mmCIF file of all heavy atoms, coordinates in Angstrom:
data_MODEL
# 
_entry.id   MODEL 
# 
loop_
_atom_site.group_PDB 
_atom_site.id 
_atom_site.type_symbol 
_atom_site.label_atom_id 
_atom_site.label_alt_id 
_atom_site.label_comp_id 
_atom_site.label_asym_id 
_atom_site.label_entity_id 
_atom_site.label_seq_id 
_atom_site.pdbx_PDB_ins_code 
_atom_site.Cartn_x 
_atom_site.Cartn_y 
_atom_site.Cartn_z 
_atom_site.occupancy 
_atom_site.B_iso_or_equiv 
_atom_site.pdbx_formal_charge 
_atom_site.auth_seq_id 
_atom_site.auth_comp_id 
_atom_site.auth_asym_id 
_atom_site.auth_atom_id 
_atom_site.pdbx_PDB_model_num 
ATOM 1   N N   . GLU A 1 1  ? -4.363  -0.852 4.486   1.00 0.00 ? 1  GLU A N   1 
ATOM 2   C CA  . GLU A 1 1  ? -4.111  -2.033 5.300   1.00 0.00 ? 1  GLU A CA  1 
ATOM 3   C C   . GLU A 1 1  ? -2.617  -2.323 5.467   1.00 0.00 ? 1  GLU A C   1 
ATOM 4   O O   . GLU A 1 1  ? -2.228  -3.144 6.305   1.00 0.00 ? 1  GLU A O   1 
ATOM 5   C CB  . GLU A 1 1  ? -4.803  -3.268 4.727   1.00 0.00 ? 1  GLU A CB  1 
ATOM 6   C CG  . GLU A 1 1  ? -4.334  -3.681 3.351   1.00 0.00 ? 1  GLU A CG  1 
ATOM 7   C CD  . GLU A 1 1  ? -5.237  -3.168 2.235   1.00 0.00 ? 1  GLU A CD  1 
ATOM 8   O OE1 . GLU A 1 1  ? -5.878  -2.120 2.445   1.00 0.00 ? 1  GLU A OE1 1 
ATOM 9   O OE2 . GLU A 1 1  ? -5.307  -3.829 1.187   1.00 0.00 ? 1  GLU A OE2 1 
ATOM 10  N N   . ASP A 1 2  ? -1.778  -1.653 4.674   1.00 0.00 ? 2  ASP A N   1 
ATOM 11  C CA  . ASP A 1 2  ? -0.335  -1.848 4.794   1.00 0.00 ? 2  ASP A CA  1 
ATOM 12  C C   . ASP A 1 2  ? 0.257   -1.103 5.997   1.00 0.00 ? 2  ASP A C   1 
ATOM 13  O O   . ASP A 1 2  ? 1.410   -1.351 6.376   1.00 0.00 ? 2  ASP A O   1 
ATOM 14  C CB  . ASP A 1 2  ? 0.385   -1.364 3.530   1.00 0.00 ? 2  ASP A CB  1 
ATOM 15  C CG  . ASP A 1 2  ? -0.058  -2.108 2.282   1.00 0.00 ? 2  ASP A CG  1 
ATOM 16  O OD1 . ASP A 1 2  ? -0.526  -3.248 2.419   1.00 0.00 ? 2  ASP A OD1 1 
ATOM 17  O OD2 . ASP A 1 2  ? 0.068   -1.540 1.180   1.00 0.00 ? 2  ASP A OD2 1 
ATOM 18  N N   . ILE A 1 3  ? -0.524  -0.197 6.581   1.00 0.00 ? 3  ILE A N   1 
ATOM 19  C CA  . ILE A 1 3  ? -0.033  0.646  7.672   1.00 0.00 ? 3  ILE A CA  1 
ATOM 20  C C   . ILE A 1 3  ? -0.607  0.153  8.990   1.00 0.00 ? 3  ILE A C   1 
ATOM 21  O O   . ILE A 1 3  ? -1.821  0.013  9.130   1.00 0.00 ? 3  ILE A O   1 
ATOM 22  C CB  . ILE A 1 3  ? -0.428  2.121  7.455   1.00 0.00 ? 3  ILE A CB  1 
ATOM 23  C CG1 . ILE A 1 3  ? 0.028   2.605  6.078   1.00 0.00 ? 3  ILE A CG1 1 
ATOM 24  C CG2 . ILE A 1 3  ? 0.157   3.004  8.548   1.00 0.00 ? 3  ILE A CG2 1 
ATOM 25  C CD1 . ILE A 1 3  ? -0.488  3.987  5.718   1.00 0.00 ? 3  ILE A CD1 1 
ATOM 26  N N   . GLU A 1 4  ? 0.246   -0.101 9.953   1.00 0.00 ? 4  GLU A N   1 
ATOM 27  C CA  . GLU A 1 4  ? -0.224  -0.521 11.267  1.00 0.00 ? 4  GLU A CA  1 
ATOM 28  C C   . GLU A 1 4  ? -0.775  0.686  12.024  1.00 0.00 ? 4  GLU A C   1 
ATOM 29  O O   . GLU A 1 4  ? -0.184  1.775  12.001  1.00 0.00 ? 4  GLU A O   1 
ATOM 30  C CB  . GLU A 1 4  ? 0.933   -1.139 12.064  1.00 0.00 ? 4  GLU A CB  1 
ATOM 31  C CG  . GLU A 1 4  ? 0.504   -1.740 13.382  1.00 0.00 ? 4  GLU A CG  1 
ATOM 32  C CD  . GLU A 1 4  ? 1.654   -2.432 14.095  1.00 0.00 ? 4  GLU A CD  1 
ATOM 33  O OE1 . GLU A 1 4  ? 2.731   -1.807 14.232  1.00 0.00 ? 4  GLU A OE1 1 
ATOM 34  O OE2 . GLU A 1 4  ? 1.491   -3.599 14.491  1.00 0.00 ? 4  GLU A OE2 1 
ATOM 35  N N   . LYS A 1 5  ? -1.912  0.503  12.685  1.00 0.00 ? 5  LYS A N   1 
ATOM 36  C CA  . LYS A 1 5  ? -2.523  1.618  13.407  1.00 0.00 ? 5  LYS A CA  1 
ATOM 37  C C   . LYS A 1 5  ? -1.610  2.090  14.536  1.00 0.00 ? 5  LYS A C   1 
ATOM 38  O O   . LYS A 1 5  ? -0.882  1.308  15.148  1.00 0.00 ? 5  LYS A O   1 
ATOM 39  C CB  . LYS A 1 5  ? -3.893  1.220  13.958  1.00 0.00 ? 5  LYS A CB  1 
ATOM 40  C CG  . LYS A 1 5  ? -3.861  0.204  15.082  1.00 0.00 ? 5  LYS A CG  1 
ATOM 41  C CD  . LYS A 1 5  ? -5.250  -0.017 15.648  1.00 0.00 ? 5  LYS A CD  1 
ATOM 42  C CE  . LYS A 1 5  ? -5.206  -0.936 16.863  1.00 0.00 ? 5  LYS A CE  1 
ATOM 43  N NZ  . LYS A 1 5  ? -6.529  -1.099 17.479  1.00 0.00 ? 5  LYS A NZ  1 
ATOM 44  N N   . ASP A 1 6  ? -1.632  3.380  14.768  1.00 0.00 ? 6  ASP A N   1 
ATOM 45  C CA  . ASP A 1 6  ? -0.891  4.049  15.841  1.00 0.00 ? 6  ASP A CA  1 
ATOM 46  C C   . ASP A 1 6  ? 0.624   4.048  15.654  1.00 0.00 ? 6  ASP A C   1 
ATOM 47  O O   . ASP A 1 6  ? 1.268   5.074  15.845  1.00 0.00 ? 6  ASP A O   1 
ATOM 48  C CB  . ASP A 1 6  ? -1.222  3.445  17.219  1.00 0.00 ? 6  ASP A CB  1 
ATOM 49  C CG  . ASP A 1 6  ? -2.656  3.718  17.645  1.00 0.00 ? 6  ASP A CG  1 
ATOM 50  O OD1 . ASP A 1 6  ? -3.157  4.809  17.331  1.00 0.00 ? 6  ASP A OD1 1 
ATOM 51  O OD2 . ASP A 1 6  ? -3.275  2.839  18.264  1.00 0.00 ? 6  ASP A OD2 1 
ATOM 52  N N   . SER A 1 7  ? 1.228   2.899  15.295  1.00 0.00 ? 7  SER A N   1 
ATOM 53  C CA  . SER A 1 7  ? 2.686   2.793  15.302  1.00 0.00 ? 7  SER A CA  1 
ATOM 54  C C   . SER A 1 7  ? 3.369   3.434  14.099  1.00 0.00 ? 7  SER A C   1 
ATOM 55  O O   . SER A 1 7  ? 4.568   3.701  14.133  1.00 0.00 ? 7  SER A O   1 
ATOM 56  C CB  . SER A 1 7  ? 3.097   1.319  15.364  1.00 0.00 ? 7  SER A CB  1 
ATOM 57  O OG  . SER A 1 7  ? 2.863   0.676  14.128  1.00 0.00 ? 7  SER A OG  1 
ATOM 58  N N   . SER A 1 8  ? 2.616   3.633  13.002  1.00 0.00 ? 8  SER A N   1 
ATOM 59  C CA  . SER A 1 8  ? 3.169   4.155  11.739  1.00 0.00 ? 8  SER A CA  1 
ATOM 60  C C   . SER A 1 8  ? 4.164   3.190  11.089  1.00 0.00 ? 8  SER A C   1 
ATOM 61  O O   . SER A 1 8  ? 5.017   3.599  10.303  1.00 0.00 ? 8  SER A O   1 
ATOM 62  C CB  . SER A 1 8  ? 3.846   5.525  11.946  1.00 0.00 ? 8  SER A CB  1 
ATOM 63  O OG  . SER A 1 8  ? 2.895   6.490  12.332  1.00 0.00 ? 8  SER A OG  1 
ATOM 64  N N   . ARG A 1 9  ? 4.049   1.907  11.395  1.00 0.00 ? 9  ARG A N   1 
ATOM 65  C CA  . ARG A 1 9  ? 4.897   0.914  10.742  1.00 0.00 ? 9  ARG A CA  1 
ATOM 66  C C   . ARG A 1 9  ? 4.269   0.486  9.422   1.00 0.00 ? 9  ARG A C   1 
ATOM 67  O O   . ARG A 1 9  ? 3.066   0.292  9.335   1.00 0.00 ? 9  ARG A O   1 
ATOM 68  C CB  . ARG A 1 9  ? 5.046   -0.329 11.628  1.00 0.00 ? 9  ARG A CB  1 
ATOM 69  C CG  . ARG A 1 9  ? 5.763   -0.120 12.942  1.00 0.00 ? 9  ARG A CG  1 
ATOM 70  C CD  . ARG A 1 9  ? 5.762   -1.403 13.747  1.00 0.00 ? 9  ARG A CD  1 
ATOM 71  N NE  . ARG A 1 9  ? 6.220   -1.201 15.112  1.00 0.00 ? 9  ARG A NE  1 
ATOM 72  C CZ  . ARG A 1 9  ? 5.847   -1.929 16.149  1.00 0.00 ? 9  ARG A CZ  1 
ATOM 73  N NH1 . ARG A 1 9  ? 4.992   -2.932 15.953  1.00 0.00 ? 9  ARG A NH1 1 
ATOM 74  N NH2 . ARG A 1 9  ? 6.298   -1.687 17.360  1.00 0.00 ? 9  ARG A NH2 1 
ATOM 75  N N   . ILE A 1 10 ? 5.126   0.321  8.399   1.00 0.00 ? 10 ILE A N   1 
ATOM 76  C CA  . ILE A 1 10 ? 4.686   -0.257 7.136   1.00 0.00 ? 10 ILE A CA  1 
ATOM 77  C C   . ILE A 1 10 ? 4.795   -1.772 7.285   1.00 0.00 ? 10 ILE A C   1 
ATOM 78  O O   . ILE A 1 10 ? 5.895   -2.320 7.397   1.00 0.00 ? 10 ILE A O   1 
ATOM 79  C CB  . ILE A 1 10 ? 5.544   0.232  5.949   1.00 0.00 ? 10 ILE A CB  1 
ATOM 80  C CG1 . ILE A 1 10 ? 5.443   1.755  5.819   1.00 0.00 ? 10 ILE A CG1 1 
ATOM 81  C CG2 . ILE A 1 10 ? 5.089   -0.441 4.651   1.00 0.00 ? 10 ILE A CG2 1 
ATOM 82  C CD1 . ILE A 1 10 ? 4.070   2.269  5.481   1.00 0.00 ? 10 ILE A CD1 1 
ATOM 83  N N   . MET A 1 11 ? 3.668   -2.468 7.307   1.00 0.00 ? 11 MET A N   1 
ATOM 84  C CA  . MET A 1 11 ? 3.659   -3.908 7.545   1.00 0.00 ? 11 MET A CA  1 
ATOM 85  C C   . MET A 1 11 ? 3.797   -4.716 6.268   1.00 0.00 ? 11 MET A C   1 
ATOM 86  O O   . MET A 1 11 ? 4.196   -5.883 6.293   1.00 0.00 ? 11 MET A O   1 
ATOM 87  C CB  . MET A 1 11 ? 2.364   -4.310 8.265   1.00 0.00 ? 11 MET A CB  1 
ATOM 88  C CG  . MET A 1 11 ? 2.158   -3.631 9.608   1.00 0.00 ? 11 MET A CG  1 
ATOM 89  S SD  . MET A 1 11 ? 0.666   -4.213 10.435  1.00 0.00 ? 11 MET A SD  1 
ATOM 90  C CE  . MET A 1 11 ? -0.590  -3.648 9.282   1.00 0.00 ? 11 MET A CE  1 
ATOM 91  N N   . ASN A 1 12 ? 3.459   -4.095 5.139   1.00 0.00 ? 12 ASN A N   1 
ATOM 92  C CA  . ASN A 1 12 ? 3.482   -4.814 3.866   1.00 0.00 ? 12 ASN A CA  1 
ATOM 93  C C   . ASN A 1 12 ? 3.829   -3.828 2.763   1.00 0.00 ? 12 ASN A C   1 
ATOM 94  O O   . ASN A 1 12 ? 3.307   -2.708 2.752   1.00 0.00 ? 12 ASN A O   1 
ATOM 95  C CB  . ASN A 1 12 ? 2.113   -5.461 3.616   1.00 0.00 ? 12 ASN A CB  1 
ATOM 96  C CG  . ASN A 1 12 ? 2.130   -6.402 2.441   1.00 0.00 ? 12 ASN A CG  1 
ATOM 97  O OD1 . ASN A 1 12 ? 3.129   -7.053 2.168   1.00 0.00 ? 12 ASN A OD1 1 
ATOM 98  N ND2 . ASN A 1 12 ? 1.011   -6.494 1.738   1.00 0.00 ? 12 ASN A ND2 1 
ATOM 99  N N   . ARG A 1 13 ? 4.703   -4.213 1.865   1.00 0.00 ? 13 ARG A N   1 
ATOM 100 C CA  . ARG A 1 13 ? 5.101   -3.311 0.777   1.00 0.00 ? 13 ARG A CA  1 
ATOM 101 C C   . ARG A 1 13 ? 5.009   -4.072 -0.538  1.00 0.00 ? 13 ARG A C   1 
ATOM 102 O O   . ARG A 1 13 ? 5.748   -5.024 -0.781  1.00 0.00 ? 13 ARG A O   1 
ATOM 103 C CB  . ARG A 1 13 ? 6.530   -2.812 1.008   1.00 0.00 ? 13 ARG A CB  1 
ATOM 104 C CG  . ARG A 1 13 ? 6.942   -1.660 0.077   1.00 0.00 ? 13 ARG A CG  1 
ATOM 105 C CD  . ARG A 1 13 ? 8.386   -1.273 0.351   1.00 0.00 ? 13 ARG A CD  1 
ATOM 106 N NE  . ARG A 1 13 ? 8.582   -0.715 1.671   1.00 0.00 ? 13 ARG A NE  1 
ATOM 107 C CZ  . ARG A 1 13 ? 8.773   0.589  1.926   1.00 0.00 ? 13 ARG A CZ  1 
ATOM 108 N NH1 . ARG A 1 13 ? 8.793   1.456  0.921   1.00 0.00 ? 13 ARG A NH1 1 
ATOM 109 N NH2 . ARG A 1 13 ? 8.967   1.012  3.153   1.00 0.00 ? 13 ARG A NH2 1 
ATOM 110 N N   . LEU A 1 14 ? 4.063   -3.640 -1.370  1.00 0.00 ? 14 LEU A N   1 
ATOM 111 C CA  . LEU A 1 14 ? 3.873   -4.272 -2.680  1.00 0.00 ? 14 LEU A CA  1 
ATOM 112 C C   . LEU A 1 14 ? 4.068   -3.249 -3.788  1.00 0.00 ? 14 LEU A C   1 
ATOM 113 O O   . LEU A 1 14 ? 3.889   -2.041 -3.588  1.00 0.00 ? 14 LEU A O   1 
ATOM 114 C CB  . LEU A 1 14 ? 2.469   -4.883 -2.775  1.00 0.00 ? 14 LEU A CB  1 
ATOM 115 C CG  . LEU A 1 14 ? 2.180   -6.084 -1.862  1.00 0.00 ? 14 LEU A CG  1 
ATOM 116 C CD1 . LEU A 1 14 ? 0.732   -6.522 -1.999  1.00 0.00 ? 14 LEU A CD1 1 
ATOM 117 C CD2 . LEU A 1 14 ? 3.117   -7.247 -2.182  1.00 0.00 ? 14 LEU A CD2 1 
ATOM 118 N N   . TYR A 1 15 ? 4.406   -3.772 -4.966  1.00 0.00 ? 15 TYR A N   1 
ATOM 119 C CA  . TYR A 1 15 ? 4.686   -2.908 -6.107  1.00 0.00 ? 15 TYR A CA  1 
ATOM 120 C C   . TYR A 1 15 ? 3.673   -3.173 -7.207  1.00 0.00 ? 15 TYR A C   1 
ATOM 121 O O   . TYR A 1 15 ? 2.926   -4.159 -7.176  1.00 0.00 ? 15 TYR A O   1 
ATOM 122 C CB  . TYR A 1 15 ? 6.117   -3.130 -6.578  1.00 0.00 ? 15 TYR A CB  1 
ATOM 123 C CG  . TYR A 1 15 ? 7.117   -2.819 -5.486  1.00 0.00 ? 15 TYR A CG  1 
ATOM 124 C CD1 . TYR A 1 15 ? 7.539   -3.825 -4.601  1.00 0.00 ? 15 TYR A CD1 1 
ATOM 125 C CD2 . TYR A 1 15 ? 7.604   -1.536 -5.295  1.00 0.00 ? 15 TYR A CD2 1 
ATOM 126 C CE1 . TYR A 1 15 ? 8.430   -3.544 -3.576  1.00 0.00 ? 15 TYR A CE1 1 
ATOM 127 C CE2 . TYR A 1 15 ? 8.501   -1.244 -4.272  1.00 0.00 ? 15 TYR A CE2 1 
ATOM 128 C CZ  . TYR A 1 15 ? 8.905   -2.253 -3.414  1.00 0.00 ? 15 TYR A CZ  1 
ATOM 129 O OH  . TYR A 1 15 ? 9.767   -1.965 -2.391  1.00 0.00 ? 15 TYR A OH  1 
ATOM 130 N N   . ALA A 1 16 ? 3.663   -2.292 -8.194  1.00 0.00 ? 16 ALA A N   1 
ATOM 131 C CA  . ALA A 1 16 ? 2.631   -2.337 -9.234  1.00 0.00 ? 16 ALA A CA  1 
ATOM 132 C C   . ALA A 1 16 ? 2.583   -3.679 -9.957  1.00 0.00 ? 16 ALA A C   1 
ATOM 133 O O   . ALA A 1 16 ? 1.512   -4.145 -10.350 1.00 0.00 ? 16 ALA A O   1 
ATOM 134 C CB  . ALA A 1 16 ? 2.854   -1.205 -10.227 1.00 0.00 ? 16 ALA A CB  1 
ATOM 135 N N   . LYS A 1 17 ? 3.735   -4.335 -10.135 1.00 0.00 ? 17 LYS A N   1 
ATOM 136 C CA  . LYS A 1 17 ? 3.736   -5.625 -10.828 1.00 0.00 ? 17 LYS A CA  1 
ATOM 137 C C   . LYS A 1 17 ? 2.989   -6.688 -10.029 1.00 0.00 ? 17 LYS A C   1 
ATOM 138 O O   . LYS A 1 17 ? 2.445   -7.643 -10.606 1.00 0.00 ? 17 LYS A O   1 
ATOM 139 C CB  . LYS A 1 17 ? 5.177   -6.081 -11.088 1.00 0.00 ? 17 LYS A CB  1 
ATOM 140 C CG  . LYS A 1 17 ? 6.008   -6.291 -9.837  1.00 0.00 ? 17 LYS A CG  1 
ATOM 141 C CD  . LYS A 1 17 ? 7.440   -6.687 -10.183 1.00 0.00 ? 17 LYS A CD  1 
ATOM 142 C CE  . LYS A 1 17 ? 8.275   -6.848 -8.901  1.00 0.00 ? 17 LYS A CE  1 
ATOM 143 N NZ  . LYS A 1 17 ? 9.685   -7.188 -9.213  1.00 0.00 ? 17 LYS A NZ  1 
ATOM 144 N N   . ASP A 1 18 ? 2.954   -6.541 -8.700  1.00 0.00 ? 18 ASP A N   1 
ATOM 145 C CA  . ASP A 1 18 ? 2.259   -7.496 -7.841  1.00 0.00 ? 18 ASP A CA  1 
ATOM 146 C C   . ASP A 1 18 ? 0.885   -6.996 -7.392  1.00 0.00 ? 18 ASP A C   1 
ATOM 147 O O   . ASP A 1 18 ? 0.073   -7.768 -6.899  1.00 0.00 ? 18 ASP A O   1 
ATOM 148 C CB  . ASP A 1 18 ? 3.096   -7.793 -6.586  1.00 0.00 ? 18 ASP A CB  1 
ATOM 149 C CG  . ASP A 1 18 ? 4.477   -8.318 -6.940  1.00 0.00 ? 18 ASP A CG  1 
ATOM 150 O OD1 . ASP A 1 18 ? 4.542   -9.255 -7.764  1.00 0.00 ? 18 ASP A OD1 1 
ATOM 151 O OD2 . ASP A 1 18 ? 5.470   -7.780 -6.414  1.00 0.00 ? 18 ASP A OD2 1 
ATOM 152 N N   . ARG A 1 19 ? 0.664   -5.699 -7.541  1.00 0.00 ? 19 ARG A N   1 
ATOM 153 C CA  . ARG A 1 19 ? -0.599  -5.107 -7.114  1.00 0.00 ? 19 ARG A CA  1 
ATOM 154 C C   . ARG A 1 19 ? -1.113  -4.154 -8.193  1.00 0.00 ? 19 ARG A C   1 
ATOM 155 O O   . ARG A 1 19 ? -1.147  -2.933 -8.010  1.00 0.00 ? 19 ARG A O   1 
ATOM 156 C CB  . ARG A 1 19 ? -0.400  -4.378 -5.778  1.00 0.00 ? 19 ARG A CB  1 
ATOM 157 C CG  . ARG A 1 19 ? -1.664  -3.820 -5.175  1.00 0.00 ? 19 ARG A CG  1 
ATOM 158 C CD  . ARG A 1 19 ? -1.358  -3.085 -3.871  1.00 0.00 ? 19 ARG A CD  1 
ATOM 159 N NE  . ARG A 1 19 ? -1.565  -3.917 -2.692  1.00 0.00 ? 19 ARG A NE  1 
ATOM 160 C CZ  . ARG A 1 19 ? -1.211  -3.590 -1.463  1.00 0.00 ? 19 ARG A CZ  1 
ATOM 161 N NH1 . ARG A 1 19 ? -0.598  -2.436 -1.245  1.00 0.00 ? 19 ARG A NH1 1 
ATOM 162 N NH2 . ARG A 1 19 ? -1.450  -4.404 -0.446  1.00 0.00 ? 19 ARG A NH2 1 
ATOM 163 N N   . PRO A 1 20 ? -1.494  -4.696 -9.348  1.00 0.00 ? 20 PRO A N   1 
ATOM 164 C CA  . PRO A 1 20 ? -2.042  -3.833 -10.402 1.00 0.00 ? 20 PRO A CA  1 
ATOM 165 C C   . PRO A 1 20 ? -3.354  -3.214 -9.922  1.00 0.00 ? 20 PRO A C   1 
ATOM 166 O O   . PRO A 1 20 ? -4.099  -3.824 -9.163  1.00 0.00 ? 20 PRO A O   1 
ATOM 167 C CB  . PRO A 1 20 ? -2.259  -4.790 -11.565 1.00 0.00 ? 20 PRO A CB  1 
ATOM 168 C CG  . PRO A 1 20 ? -2.387  -6.137 -10.938 1.00 0.00 ? 20 PRO A CG  1 
ATOM 169 C CD  . PRO A 1 20 ? -1.505  -6.126 -9.731  1.00 0.00 ? 20 PRO A CD  1 
ATOM 170 N N   . PHE A 1 21 ? -3.627  -1.994 -10.366 1.00 0.00 ? 21 PHE A N   1 
ATOM 171 C CA  . PHE A 1 21 ? -4.836  -1.302 -9.893  1.00 0.00 ? 21 PHE A CA  1 
ATOM 172 C C   . PHE A 1 21 ? -5.624  -0.743 -11.066 1.00 0.00 ? 21 PHE A C   1 
ATOM 173 O O   . PHE A 1 21 ? -5.084  -0.467 -12.137 1.00 0.00 ? 21 PHE A O   1 
ATOM 174 C CB  . PHE A 1 21 ? -4.469  -0.191 -8.899  1.00 0.00 ? 21 PHE A CB  1 
ATOM 175 C CG  . PHE A 1 21 ? -3.431  0.780  -9.399  1.00 0.00 ? 21 PHE A CG  1 
ATOM 176 C CD1 . PHE A 1 21 ? -3.793  1.934  -10.075 1.00 0.00 ? 21 PHE A CD1 1 
ATOM 177 C CD2 . PHE A 1 21 ? -2.074  0.532  -9.197  1.00 0.00 ? 21 PHE A CD2 1 
ATOM 178 C CE1 . PHE A 1 21 ? -2.839  2.831  -10.530 1.00 0.00 ? 21 PHE A CE1 1 
ATOM 179 C CE2 . PHE A 1 21 ? -1.102  1.420  -9.644  1.00 0.00 ? 21 PHE A CE2 1 
ATOM 180 C CZ  . PHE A 1 21 ? -1.496  2.579  -10.319 1.00 0.00 ? 21 PHE A CZ  1 
ATOM 181 N N   . LYS A 1 22 ? -6.922  -0.599 -10.856 1.00 0.00 ? 22 LYS A N   1 
ATOM 182 C CA  . LYS A 1 22 ? -7.810  -0.108 -11.909 1.00 0.00 ? 22 LYS A CA  1 
ATOM 183 C C   . LYS A 1 22 ? -8.124  1.381  -11.729 1.00 0.00 ? 22 LYS A C   1 
ATOM 184 O O   . LYS A 1 22 ? -8.011  2.156  -12.661 1.00 0.00 ? 22 LYS A O   1 
ATOM 185 C CB  . LYS A 1 22 ? -9.102  -0.918 -11.911 1.00 0.00 ? 22 LYS A CB  1 
ATOM 186 C CG  . LYS A 1 22 ? -8.904  -2.376 -12.313 1.00 0.00 ? 22 LYS A CG  1 
ATOM 187 C CD  . LYS A 1 22 ? -10.225 -3.130 -12.324 1.00 0.00 ? 22 LYS A CD  1 
ATOM 188 C CE  . LYS A 1 22 ? -10.002 -4.597 -12.718 1.00 0.00 ? 22 LYS A CE  1 
ATOM 189 N NZ  . LYS A 1 22 ? -11.293 -5.361 -12.707 1.00 0.00 ? 22 LYS A NZ  1 
ATOM 190 N N   . SER A 1 23 ? -8.555  1.761  -10.527 1.00 0.00 ? 23 SER A N   1 
ATOM 191 C CA  . SER A 1 23 ? -8.897  3.167  -10.300 1.00 0.00 ? 23 SER A CA  1 
ATOM 192 C C   . SER A 1 23 ? -7.628  3.982  -10.059 1.00 0.00 ? 23 SER A C   1 
ATOM 193 O O   . SER A 1 23 ? -6.590  3.461  -9.660  1.00 0.00 ? 23 SER A O   1 
ATOM 194 C CB  . SER A 1 23 ? -9.832  3.292  -9.099  1.00 0.00 ? 23 SER A CB  1 
ATOM 195 O OG  . SER A 1 23 ? -9.257  2.715  -7.956  1.00 0.00 ? 23 SER A OG  1 
ATOM 196 N N   . ALA A 1 24 ? -7.737  5.285  -10.306 1.00 0.00 ? 24 ALA A N   1 
ATOM 197 C CA  . ALA A 1 24 ? -6.589  6.174  -10.163 1.00 0.00 ? 24 ALA A CA  1 
ATOM 198 C C   . ALA A 1 24 ? -6.114  6.225  -8.716  1.00 0.00 ? 24 ALA A C   1 
ATOM 199 O O   . ALA A 1 24 ? -6.897  6.063  -7.775  1.00 0.00 ? 24 ALA A O   1 
ATOM 200 C CB  . ALA A 1 24 ? -6.956  7.571  -10.629 1.00 0.00 ? 24 ALA A CB  1 
ATOM 201 N N   . LYS A 1 25 ? -4.810  6.440  -8.543  1.00 0.00 ? 25 LYS A N   1 
ATOM 202 C CA  . LYS A 1 25 ? -4.198  6.532  -7.217  1.00 0.00 ? 25 LYS A CA  1 
ATOM 203 C C   . LYS A 1 25 ? -3.615  7.923  -7.002  1.00 0.00 ? 25 LYS A C   1 
ATOM 204 O O   . LYS A 1 25 ? -3.333  8.648  -7.968  1.00 0.00 ? 25 LYS A O   1 
ATOM 205 C CB  . LYS A 1 25 ? -3.068  5.500  -7.080  1.00 0.00 ? 25 LYS A CB  1 
ATOM 206 C CG  . LYS A 1 25 ? -3.494  4.043  -7.266  1.00 0.00 ? 25 LYS A CG  1 
ATOM 207 C CD  . LYS A 1 25 ? -4.267  3.534  -6.080  1.00 0.00 ? 25 LYS A CD  1 
ATOM 208 C CE  . LYS A 1 25 ? -4.567  2.058  -6.202  1.00 0.00 ? 25 LYS A CE  1 
ATOM 209 N NZ  . LYS A 1 25 ? -5.401  1.563  -5.081  1.00 0.00 ? 25 LYS A NZ  1 
ATOM 210 N N   . ASN A 1 26 ? -3.410  8.282  -5.741  1.00 0.00 ? 26 ASN A N   1 
ATOM 211 C CA  . ASN A 1 26 ? -2.707  9.522  -5.423  1.00 0.00 ? 26 ASN A CA  1 
ATOM 212 C C   . ASN A 1 26 ? -1.200  9.293  -5.527  1.00 0.00 ? 26 ASN A C   1 
ATOM 213 O O   . ASN A 1 26 ? -0.693  8.291  -5.026  1.00 0.00 ? 26 ASN A O   1 
ATOM 214 C CB  . ASN A 1 26 ? -3.047  9.992  -4.008  1.00 0.00 ? 26 ASN A CB  1 
ATOM 215 C CG  . ASN A 1 26 ? -4.449  10.570 -3.915  1.00 0.00 ? 26 ASN A CG  1 
ATOM 216 O OD1 . ASN A 1 26 ? -5.019  11.009 -4.910  1.00 0.00 ? 26 ASN A OD1 1 
ATOM 217 N ND2 . ASN A 1 26 ? -5.008  10.583 -2.715  1.00 0.00 ? 26 ASN A ND2 1 
ATOM 218 N N   . SER A 1 27 ? -0.523  10.206 -6.151  1.00 0.00 ? 27 SER A N   1 
ATOM 219 C CA  . SER A 1 27 ? 0.928   10.112 -6.277  1.00 0.00 ? 27 SER A CA  1 
ATOM 220 C C   . SER A 1 27 ? 1.596   10.783 -5.082  1.00 0.00 ? 27 SER A C   1 
ATOM 221 O O   . SER A 1 27 ? 1.111   11.796 -4.577  1.00 0.00 ? 27 SER A O   1 
ATOM 222 C CB  . SER A 1 27 ? 1.378   10.799 -7.568  1.00 0.00 ? 27 SER A CB  1 
ATOM 223 O OG  . SER A 1 27 ? 2.787   10.827 -7.665  1.00 0.00 ? 27 SER A OG  1 
# 
């Protein structure tokens, strides 16, 4: 959801301290 469709713009940028995650992510 951080990526705008078609335009390739990053609309939102969050970091691990603000977006902790439970399942594994791709590096």
